[in-house]
PDB file of N, CA and C in Angstrom:
ATOM      1  N   UNK A   1     103.619  83.005  81.572  1.00  0.00           N
ATOM      2  CA  UNK A   1     104.296  83.485  82.948  1.00  0.00           C
ATOM      3  C   UNK A   1     103.467  84.191  83.458  1.00  0.00           C
ATOM      4  N   UNK A   2     103.550  84.742  85.006  1.00  0.00           N
ATOM      5  CA  UNK A   2     103.482  85.819  85.410  1.00  0.00           C
ATOM      6  C   UNK A   2     104.518  85.934  86.313  1.00  0.00           C
ATOM      7  N   UNK A   3     105.034  87.559  85.816  1.00  0.00           N
ATOM      8  CA  UNK A   3     106.073  88.820  86.769  1.00  0.00           C
ATOM      9  C   UNK A   3     105.016  89.708  87.782  1.00  0.00           C
ATOM     10  N   UNK A   4     106.118  89.115  88.697  1.00  0.00           N
ATOM     11  CA  UNK A   4     105.763  90.492  89.689  1.00  0.00           C
ATOM     12  C   UNK A   4     106.856  91.800  89.917  1.00  0.00           C
ATOM     13  N   UNK A   5     106.565  92.865  89.735  1.00  0.00           N
ATOM     14  CA  UNK A   5     107.459  93.782  89.698  1.00  0.00           C
ATOM     15  C   UNK A   5     107.325  94.721  90.819  1.00  0.00           C
ATOM     16  N   UNK A   6     108.485  95.079  91.546  1.00  0.00           N
ATOM     17  CA  UNK A   6     108.422  96.368  92.595  1.00  0.00           C
ATOM     18  C   UNK A   6     109.289  97.228  91.954  1.00  0.00           C
ATOM     19  N   UNK A   7     108.525  98.284  92.071  1.00  0.00           N
ATOM     20  CA  UNK A   7     109.174  99.833  91.263  1.00  0.00           C
ATOM     21  C   UNK A   7     109.824 100.771  92.316  1.00  0.00           C
ATOM     22  N   UNK A   8     110.807 101.168  92.212  1.00  0.00           N
ATOM     23  CA  UNK A   8     111.371 102.258  93.735  1.00  0.00           C
ATOM     24  C   UNK A   8     111.998 102.705  93.229  1.00  0.00           C
ATOM     25  N   UNK A   9     111.329 104.412  93.057  1.00  0.00           N
ATOM     26  CA  UNK A   9     111.459 105.349  92.746  1.00  0.00           C
ATOM     27  C   UNK A   9     112.606 106.635  93.378  1.00  0.00           C
ATOM     28  N   UNK A  10     112.514 105.945  94.336  1.00  0.00           N
ATOM     29  CA  UNK A  10     114.128 106.988  95.283  1.00  0.00           C
ATOM     30  C   UNK A  10     115.241 106.749  94.765  1.00  0.00           C
ATOM     31  N   UNK A  11     116.052 107.456  94.527  1.00  0.00           N
ATOM     32  CA  UNK A  11     117.158 107.602  93.942  1.00  0.00           C
ATOM     33  C   UNK A  11     118.168 106.518  95.009  1.00  0.00           C
ATOM     34  N   UNK A  12     117.500 107.314  96.815  1.00  0.00           N
ATOM     35  CA  UNK A  12     118.512 106.926  97.284  1.00  0.00           C
ATOM     36  C   UNK A  12     118.065 105.418  97.972  1.00  0.00           C
ATOM     37  N   UNK A  13     117.507 104.669  97.526  1.00  0.00           N
ATOM     38  CA  UNK A  13     116.663 103.580  98.185  1.00  0.00           C
ATOM     39  C   UNK A  13     117.691 102.249  98.034  1.00  0.00           C
ATOM     40  N   UNK A  14     119.201 102.520  96.850  1.00  0.00           N
ATOM     41  CA  UNK A  14     119.134 101.126  96.619  1.00  0.00           C
ATOM     42  C   UNK A  14     120.423 100.383  97.612  1.00  0.00           C
ATOM     43  N   UNK A  15     120.393 101.078  98.347  1.00  0.00           N
ATOM     44  CA  UNK A  15     121.065 100.323  99.819  1.00  0.00           C
ATOM     45  C   UNK A  15     119.813  99.218 100.991  1.00  0.00           C
ATOM     46  N   UNK A  16     118.543  99.956 100.470  1.00  0.00           N
ATOM     47  CA  UNK A  16     117.132  99.684 101.380  1.00  0.00           C
ATOM     48  C   UNK A  16     117.416  98.146  99.962  1.00  0.00           C
ATOM     49  N   UNK A  17     116.927  98.567  98.974  1.00  0.00           N
ATOM     50  CA  UNK A  17     116.893  97.588  97.833  1.00  0.00           C
ATOM     51  C   UNK A  17     117.331  96.475  98.235  1.00  0.00           C
ATOM     52  N   UNK A  18     118.814  96.558  97.646  1.00  0.00           N
ATOM     53  CA  UNK A  18     119.279  95.171  97.643  1.00  0.00           C
ATOM     54  C   UNK A  18     119.942  94.636  99.647  1.00  0.00           C
ATOM     55  N   UNK A  19     119.963  95.523 100.195  1.00  0.00           N
ATOM     56  CA  UNK A  19     120.308  95.271 101.660  1.00  0.00           C
ATOM     57  C   UNK A  19     119.040  94.484 102.207  1.00  0.00           C
ATOM     58  N   UNK A  20     117.765  94.792 101.996  1.00  0.00           N
ATOM     59  CA  UNK A  20     116.718  94.257 102.785  1.00  0.00           C
ATOM     60  C   UNK A  20     115.634  93.793 101.909  1.00  0.00           C
ATOM     61  N   UNK A  21     115.485  94.414 100.887  1.00  0.00           N
ATOM     62  CA  UNK A  21     113.752  94.129 100.397  1.00  0.00           C
ATOM     63  C   UNK A  21     114.388  92.768  98.842  1.00  0.00           C
ATOM     64  N   UNK A  22     115.744  92.795  98.212  1.00  0.00           N
ATOM     65  CA  UNK A  22     115.787  91.730  97.211  1.00  0.00           C
ATOM     66  C   UNK A  22     116.323  90.312  98.208  1.00  0.00           C
ATOM     67  N   UNK A  23     116.798  90.822  99.315  1.00  0.00           N
ATOM     68  CA  UNK A  23     116.741  89.099  99.681  1.00  0.00           C
ATOM     69  C   UNK A  23     115.129  88.567 100.013  1.00  0.00           C
ATOM     70  N   UNK A  24     114.408  89.613 100.799  1.00  0.00           N
ATOM     71  CA  UNK A  24     113.142  88.844 101.176  1.00  0.00           C
ATOM     72  C   UNK A  24     112.719  88.268  99.771  1.00  0.00           C
ATOM     73  N   UNK A  25     113.201  88.975  98.480  1.00  0.00           N
ATOM     74  CA  UNK A  25     111.710  88.283  97.457  1.00  0.00           C
ATOM     75  C   UNK A  25     112.603  86.857  97.357  1.00  0.00           C
ATOM     76  N   UNK A  26     113.879  87.052  97.030  1.00  0.00           N
ATOM     77  CA  UNK A  26     115.110  85.409  96.701  1.00  0.00           C
ATOM     78  C   UNK A  26     114.797  84.292  97.557  1.00  0.00           C
ATOM     79  N   UNK A  27     113.820  84.688  98.927  1.00  0.00           N
ATOM     80  CA  UNK A  27     113.453  83.954  99.454  1.00  0.00           C
ATOM     81  C   UNK A  27     111.828  83.313  99.261  1.00  0.00           C
ATOM     82  N   UNK A  28     111.320  83.980  98.429  1.00  0.00           N
ATOM     83  CA  UNK A  28     109.774  83.327  98.388  1.00  0.00           C
ATOM     84  C   UNK A  28     109.964  81.849  97.230  1.00  0.00           C
ATOM     85  N   UNK A  29     109.624  81.048  98.000  1.00  0.00           N
ATOM     86  CA  UNK A  29     109.329  79.523  97.129  1.00  0.00           C
ATOM     87  C   UNK A  29     108.070  79.358  95.806  1.00  0.00           C
ATOM     88  N   UNK A  30     109.008  78.983  94.881  1.00  0.00           N
ATOM     89  CA  UNK A  30     107.999  78.804  93.557  1.00  0.00           C
ATOM     90  C   UNK A  30     108.133  79.983  92.849  1.00  0.00           C
ATOM     91  N   UNK A  31     109.199  81.104  92.962  1.00  0.00           N
ATOM     92  CA  UNK A  31     109.859  82.031  92.081  1.00  0.00           C
ATOM     93  C   UNK A  31     110.457  81.220  91.158  1.00  0.00           C
ATOM     94  N   UNK A  32     110.685  81.425  90.341  1.00  0.00           N
ATOM     95  CA  UNK A  32     111.373  80.740  88.785  1.00  0.00           C
ATOM     96  C   UNK A  32     112.732  81.378  88.376  1.00  0.00           C
ATOM     97  N   UNK A  33     112.443  82.589  89.387  1.00  0.00           N
ATOM     98  CA  UNK A  33     113.416  83.556  88.901  1.00  0.00           C
ATOM     99  C   UNK A  33     113.615  85.150  89.345  1.00  0.00           C
ATOM    100  N   UNK A  34     114.907  85.466  89.881  1.00  0.00           N
ATOM    101  CA  UNK A  34     114.384  86.987  90.703  1.00  0.00           C
ATOM    102  C   UNK A  34     115.813  87.823  90.017  1.00  0.00           C
ATOM    103  N   UNK A  35     115.173  89.071  89.749  1.00  0.00           N
ATOM    104  CA  UNK A  35     116.002  89.988  89.127  1.00  0.00           C
ATOM    105  C   UNK A  35     115.867  91.016  89.652  1.00  0.00           C
ATOM    106  N   UNK A  36     117.459  92.063  89.630  1.00  0.00           N
ATOM    107  CA  UNK A  36     117.474  93.445  90.258  1.00  0.00           C
ATOM    108  C   UNK A  36     117.668  94.157  88.876  1.00  0.00           C
ATOM    109  N   UNK A  37     117.039  95.396  88.475  1.00  0.00           N
ATOM    110  CA  UNK A  37     117.828  96.345  87.790  1.00  0.00           C
ATOM    111  C   UNK A  37     117.852  97.563  88.091  1.00  0.00           C
ATOM    112  N   UNK A  38     119.199  98.225  87.193  1.00  0.00           N
ATOM    113  CA  UNK A  38     118.389  99.517  87.863  1.00  0.00           C
ATOM    114  C   UNK A  38     118.465 100.407  87.045  1.00  0.00           C
ATOM    115  N   UNK A  39     117.348 101.610  86.375  1.00  0.00           N
ATOM    116  CA  UNK A  39     116.609 101.902  85.581  1.00  0.00           C
ATOM    117  C   UNK A  39     117.600 102.935  84.919  1.00  0.00           C
ATOM    118  N   UNK A  40     118.199 103.029  83.759  1.00  0.00           N
ATOM    119  CA  UNK A  40     119.376 104.165  83.302  1.00  0.00           C
ATOM    120  C   UNK A  40     118.813 105.072  82.618  1.00  0.00           C
ATOM    121  N   UNK A  41     118.215 105.027  81.913  1.00  0.00           N
ATOM    122  CA  UNK A  41     117.850 105.579  80.866  1.00  0.00           C
ATOM    123  C   UNK A  41     116.029 105.522  80.683  1.00  0.00           C
ATOM    124  N   UNK A  42     115.425 106.436  79.647  1.00  0.00           N
ATOM    125  CA  UNK A  42     113.673 106.199  79.663  1.00  0.00           C
ATOM    126  C   UNK A  42     113.796 106.868  78.089  1.00  0.00           C
ATOM    127  N   UNK A  43     113.178 106.497  76.837  1.00  0.00           N
ATOM    128  CA  UNK A  43     113.479 107.964  75.629  1.00  0.00           C
ATOM    129  C   UNK A  43     112.251 108.825  76.388  1.00  0.00           C
ATOM    130  N   UNK A  44     111.419 108.512  76.918  1.00  0.00           N
ATOM    131  CA  UNK A  44     110.541 109.541  76.944  1.00  0.00           C
ATOM    132  C   UNK A  44     110.806 110.372  78.493  1.00  0.00           C
ATOM    133  N   UNK A  45     111.697 110.513  78.858  1.00  0.00           N
ATOM    134  CA  UNK A  45     112.236 111.164  79.921  1.00  0.00           C
ATOM    135  C   UNK A  45     112.489 110.883  80.941  1.00  0.00           C
ATOM    136  N   UNK A  46     111.953 111.085  82.256  1.00  0.00           N
ATOM    137  CA  UNK A  46     112.422 110.546  83.814  1.00  0.00           C
ATOM    138  C   UNK A  46     111.451 109.719  83.645  1.00  0.00           C
ATOM    139  N   UNK A  47     111.678 108.062  84.172  1.00  0.00           N
ATOM    140  CA  UNK A  47     110.916 107.323  84.352  1.00  0.00           C
ATOM    141  C   UNK A  47     110.700 107.019  85.429  1.00  0.00           C
ATOM    142  N   UNK A  48     109.334 106.391  86.270  1.00  0.00           N
ATOM    143  CA  UNK A  48     109.059 106.666  87.421  1.00  0.00           C
ATOM    144  C   UNK A  48     109.229 106.004  88.216  1.00  0.00           C
ATOM    145  N   UNK A  49     110.553 104.999  88.057  1.00  0.00           N
ATOM    146  CA  UNK A  49     111.578 104.162  89.420  1.00  0.00           C
ATOM    147  C   UNK A  49     113.052 104.330  89.498  1.00  0.00           C
ATOM    148  N   UNK A  50     114.049 103.814  89.579  1.00  0.00           N
ATOM    149  CA  UNK A  50     115.252 104.174  89.805  1.00  0.00           C
ATOM    150  C   UNK A  50     115.661 102.311  90.043  1.00  0.00           C
ATOM    151  N   UNK A  51     114.803 101.977  90.251  1.00  0.00           N
ATOM    152  CA  UNK A  51     115.522  99.937  90.077  1.00  0.00           C
ATOM    153  C   UNK A  51     113.982  99.155  90.239  1.00  0.00           C
ATOM    154  N   UNK A  52     114.057  98.275  89.774  1.00  0.00           N
ATOM    155  CA  UNK A  52     112.923  97.722  89.631  1.00  0.00           C
ATOM    156  C   UNK A  52     113.761  95.813  89.788  1.00  0.00           C
ATOM    157  N   UNK A  53     112.586  94.852  91.215  1.00  0.00           N
ATOM    158  CA  UNK A  53     112.850  93.760  91.196  1.00  0.00           C
ATOM    159  C   UNK A  53     111.930  92.909  91.010  1.00  0.00           C
ATOM    160  N   UNK A  54     112.169  91.791  90.513  1.00  0.00           N
ATOM    161  CA  UNK A  54     111.499  91.210  89.555  1.00  0.00           C
ATOM    162  C   UNK A  54     111.470  89.843  89.967  1.00  0.00           C
ATOM    163  N   UNK A  55     109.901  88.947  89.926  1.00  0.00           N
ATOM    164  CA  UNK A  55     109.568  87.896  90.427  1.00  0.00           C
ATOM    165  C   UNK A  55     109.243  87.259  89.391  1.00  0.00           C
ATOM    166  N   UNK A  56     109.596  86.117  88.798  1.00  0.00           N
ATOM    167  CA  UNK A  56     108.782  85.243  87.507  1.00  0.00           C
ATOM    168  C   UNK A  56     108.337  84.051  88.324  1.00  0.00           C
ATOM    169  N   UNK A  57     106.804  83.973  87.898  1.00  0.00           N
ATOM    170  CA  UNK A  57     106.542  82.188  88.705  1.00  0.00           C
ATOM    171  C   UNK A  57     105.611  81.592  87.046  1.00  0.00           C
ATOM    172  N   UNK A  58     105.666  80.880  87.056  1.00  0.00           N
ATOM    173  CA  UNK A  58     104.994  79.446  86.139  1.00  0.00           C
ATOM    174  C   UNK A  58     103.355  80.303  85.666  1.00  0.00           C
ATOM    175  N   UNK A  59     102.818  80.690  86.863  1.00  0.00           N
ATOM    176  CA  UNK A  59     101.265  81.080  86.359  1.00  0.00           C
ATOM    177  C   UNK A  59     100.913  82.097  87.505  1.00  0.00           C
ATOM    178  N   UNK A  60      99.706  82.471  86.924  1.00  0.00           N
ATOM    179  CA  UNK A  60      98.891  83.461  88.337  1.00  0.00           C
ATOM    180  C   UNK A  60      98.977  82.890  89.499  1.00  0.00           C
ATOM    181  N   UNK A  61      98.278  81.384  89.631  1.00  0.00           N
ATOM    182  CA  UNK A  61      97.896  80.560  90.784  1.00  0.00           C
ATOM    183  C   UNK A  61      99.297  80.132  91.636  1.00  0.00           C
ATOM    184  N   UNK A  62     100.464  80.117  90.864  1.00  0.00           N
ATOM    185  CA  UNK A  62     102.156  80.278  91.355  1.00  0.00           C
ATOM    186  C   UNK A  62     102.376  81.017  91.801  1.00  0.00           C
ATOM    187  N   UNK A  63     102.051  82.243  91.258  1.00  0.00           N
ATOM    188  CA  UNK A  63     102.658  83.452  92.339  1.00  0.00           C
ATOM    189  C   UNK A  63     101.393  83.480  92.970  1.00  0.00           C
ATOM    190  N   UNK A  64     100.302  83.746  93.548  1.00  0.00           N
ATOM    191  CA  UNK A  64      99.762  83.653  94.735  1.00  0.00           C
ATOM    192  C   UNK A  64      99.623  82.668  95.744  1.00  0.00           C
ATOM    193  N   UNK A  65      99.896  81.153  95.102  1.00  0.00           N
ATOM    194  CA  UNK A  65     100.156  80.938  96.220  1.00  0.00           C
ATOM    195  C   UNK A  65     101.848  80.865  97.031  1.00  0.00           C
ATOM    196  N   UNK A  66     102.902  81.419  96.203  1.00  0.00           N
ATOM    197  CA  UNK A  66     103.910  81.927  96.690  1.00  0.00           C
ATOM    198  C   UNK A  66     103.801  83.257  97.719  1.00  0.00           C
ATOM    199  N   UNK A  67     103.130  84.155  97.554  1.00  0.00           N
ATOM    200  CA  UNK A  67     102.412  85.091  98.039  1.00  0.00           C
ATOM    201  C   UNK A  67     102.170  84.857  99.701  1.00  0.00           C
ATOM    202  N   UNK A  68     101.421  83.725  99.532  1.00  0.00           N
ATOM    203  CA  UNK A  68     100.736  83.080 100.891  1.00  0.00           C
ATOM    204  C   UNK A  68     101.204  82.190 101.622  1.00  0.00           C
ATOM    205  N   UNK A  69     102.579  82.028 101.550  1.00  0.00           N
ATOM    206  CA  UNK A  69     103.565  81.267 102.331  1.00  0.00           C
ATOM    207  C   UNK A  69     103.905  82.337 103.497  1.00  0.00           C
ATOM    208  N   UNK A  70     105.051  82.120 104.290  1.00  0.00           N
ATOM    209  CA  UNK A  70     105.281  82.849 105.293  1.00  0.00           C
ATOM    210  C   UNK A  70     106.333  83.805 104.896  1.00  0.00           C
ATOM    211  N   UNK A  71     107.041  83.652 103.527  1.00  0.00           N
ATOM    212  CA  UNK A  71     108.054  84.483 103.394  1.00  0.00           C
ATOM    213  C   UNK A  71     107.293  85.848 102.277  1.00  0.00           C
ATOM    214  N   UNK A  72     106.124  84.733 101.651  1.00  0.00           N
ATOM    215  CA  UNK A  72     105.703  86.000 101.158  1.00  0.00           C
ATOM    216  C   UNK A  72     104.507  87.207 101.641  1.00  0.00           C
ATOM    217  N   UNK A  73     104.109  86.703 102.766  1.00  0.00           N
ATOM    218  CA  UNK A  73     103.819  87.415 103.751  1.00  0.00           C
ATOM    219  C   UNK A  73     104.864  88.309 104.283  1.00  0.00           C
ATOM    220  N   UNK A  74     105.938  87.932 104.684  1.00  0.00           N
ATOM    221  CA  UNK A  74     106.948  88.637 105.343  1.00  0.00           C
ATOM    222  C   UNK A  74     107.317  90.001 104.264  1.00  0.00           C
ATOM    223  N   UNK A  75     107.054  89.624 103.464  1.00  0.00           N
ATOM    224  CA  UNK A  75     107.055  90.695 101.276  1.00  0.00           C
ATOM    225  C   UNK A  75     106.018  91.914 101.820  1.00  0.00           C
ATOM    226  N   UNK A  76     104.937  91.394 102.122  1.00  0.00           N
ATOM    227  CA  UNK A  76     103.902  92.169 102.469  1.00  0.00           C
ATOM    228  C   UNK A  76     103.483  92.565 103.446  1.00  0.00           C
ATOM    229  N   UNK A  77     104.172  92.204 104.614  1.00  0.00           N
ATOM    230  CA  UNK A  77     104.477  93.130 105.805  1.00  0.00           C
ATOM    231  C   UNK A  77     105.662  94.212 105.602  1.00  0.00           C
ATOM    232  N   UNK A  78     106.679  94.000 104.637  1.00  0.00           N
ATOM    233  CA  UNK A  78     107.635  94.681 104.591  1.00  0.00           C
ATOM    234  C   UNK A  78     106.843  96.355 103.678  1.00  0.00           C
ATOM    235  N   UNK A  79     106.149  95.767 102.599  1.00  0.00           N
ATOM    236  CA  UNK A  79     105.379  96.756 101.909  1.00  0.00           C
ATOM    237  C   UNK A  79     104.408  97.680 103.223  1.00  0.00           C
ATOM    238  N   UNK A  80     104.223  97.325 103.342  1.00  0.00           N
ATOM    239  CA  UNK A  80     102.857  98.115 104.740  1.00  0.00           C
ATOM    240  C   UNK A  80     104.126  98.741 105.267  1.00  0.00           C
ATOM    241  N   UNK A  81     105.165  98.758 106.373  1.00  0.00           N
ATOM    242  CA  UNK A  81     105.898  99.208 107.206  1.00  0.00           C
ATOM    243  C   UNK A  81     106.660 100.139 106.680  1.00  0.00           C
ATOM    244  N   UNK A  82     107.070  99.682 105.174  1.00  0.00           N
ATOM    245  CA  UNK A  82     108.173 101.041 104.393  1.00  0.00           C
ATOM    246  C   UNK A  82     107.178 101.657 103.135  1.00  0.00           C
ATOM    247  N   UNK A  83     105.995 102.116 103.230  1.00  0.00           N
ATOM    248  CA  UNK A  83     105.216 102.406 102.565  1.00  0.00           C
ATOM    249  C   UNK A  83     105.834 103.908 102.067  1.00  0.00           C
ATOM    250  N   UNK A  84     106.165 104.649 102.766  1.00  0.00           N
ATOM    251  CA  UNK A  84     107.023 105.867 102.563  1.00  0.00           C
ATOM    252  C   UNK A  84     108.091 106.013 101.474  1.00  0.00           C
ATOM    253  N   UNK A  85     108.586 104.970 101.059  1.00  0.00           N
ATOM    254  CA  UNK A  85     109.860 104.333  99.932  1.00  0.00           C
ATOM    255  C   UNK A  85     109.615 104.039  98.541  1.00  0.00           C
ATOM    256  N   UNK A  86     108.340 105.020  98.287  1.00  0.00           N
ATOM    257  CA  UNK A  86     108.332 105.425  96.767  1.00  0.00           C
ATOM    258  C   UNK A  86     108.544 104.061  95.939  1.00  0.00           C
ATOM    259  N   UNK A  87     107.224 102.746  96.308  1.00  0.00           N
ATOM    260  CA  UNK A  87     107.582 101.517  95.927  1.00  0.00           C
ATOM    261  C   UNK A  87     106.194 101.237  95.287  1.00  0.00           C
ATOM    262  N   UNK A  88     105.906 100.957  94.116  1.00  0.00           N
ATOM    263  CA  UNK A  88     104.570 100.794  92.976  1.00  0.00           C
ATOM    264  C   UNK A  88     105.243  99.324  93.088  1.00  0.00           C
ATOM    265  N   UNK A  89     104.085  98.715  92.501  1.00  0.00           N
ATOM    266  CA  UNK A  89     103.524  96.869  92.396  1.00  0.00           C
ATOM    267  C   UNK A  89     102.499  96.645  91.462  1.00  0.00           C
ATOM    268  N   UNK A  90     103.728  95.910  90.109  1.00  0.00           N
ATOM    269  CA  UNK A  90     102.759  95.470  89.109  1.00  0.00           C
ATOM    270  C   UNK A  90     102.854  94.274  88.611  1.00  0.00           C
ATOM    271  N   UNK A  91     101.656  93.671  88.249  1.00  0.00           N
ATOM    272  CA  UNK A  91     102.115  92.268  88.050  1.00  0.00           C
ATOM    273  C   UNK A  91     101.368  92.677  86.306  1.00  0.00           C
ATOM    274  N   UNK A  92     102.443  91.371  86.021  1.00  0.00           N
ATOM    275  CA  UNK A  92     102.275  91.448  84.343  1.00  0.00           C
ATOM    276  C   UNK A  92     101.852  89.954  84.024  1.00  0.00           C
ATOM    277  N   UNK A  93     101.427  89.784  82.734  1.00  0.00           N
ATOM    278  CA  UNK A  93     100.795  88.242  82.414  1.00  0.00           C
ATOM    279  C   UNK A  93     101.792  88.102  81.195  1.00  0.00           C
ATOM    280  N   UNK A  94     102.517  87.354  80.769  1.00  0.00           N
ATOM    281  CA  UNK A  94     103.000  87.207  79.241  1.00  0.00           C
ATOM    282  C   UNK A  94     101.710  86.854  78.421  1.00  0.00           C
ATOM    283  N   UNK A  95     101.456  87.454  76.992  1.00  0.00           N
ATOM    284  CA  UNK A  95     100.451  86.847  75.877  1.00  0.00           C
ATOM    285  C   UNK A  95     100.755  86.323  75.271  1.00  0.00           C
ATOM    286  N   UNK A  96     102.212  85.166  74.999  1.00  0.00           N
ATOM    287  CA  UNK A  96     102.159  84.423  74.100  1.00  0.00           C
ATOM    288  C   UNK A  96     101.902  83.079  74.945  1.00  0.00           C
TER     289      UNK A  96
END
């Protein structure tokens, strides 16, 4: 499984994340699941994210195929247009 995470570090970004960004991610074809989480605590002090949006794919190829669709390109455009919103993007691959 491959996961694509968008980390938002601005505490004032909740309306943007829930109203604008999350619907774009939910529209990606091929995603096996989409989740939104609010970071509530970190054992190491301040965590560099307030909200995490996660999309899960069968593998890296499925993720790349999904991002190449019109919906995936909309997310890329949104990221470019909102570069000042304190967003990080991380890709994870399960090791099992």
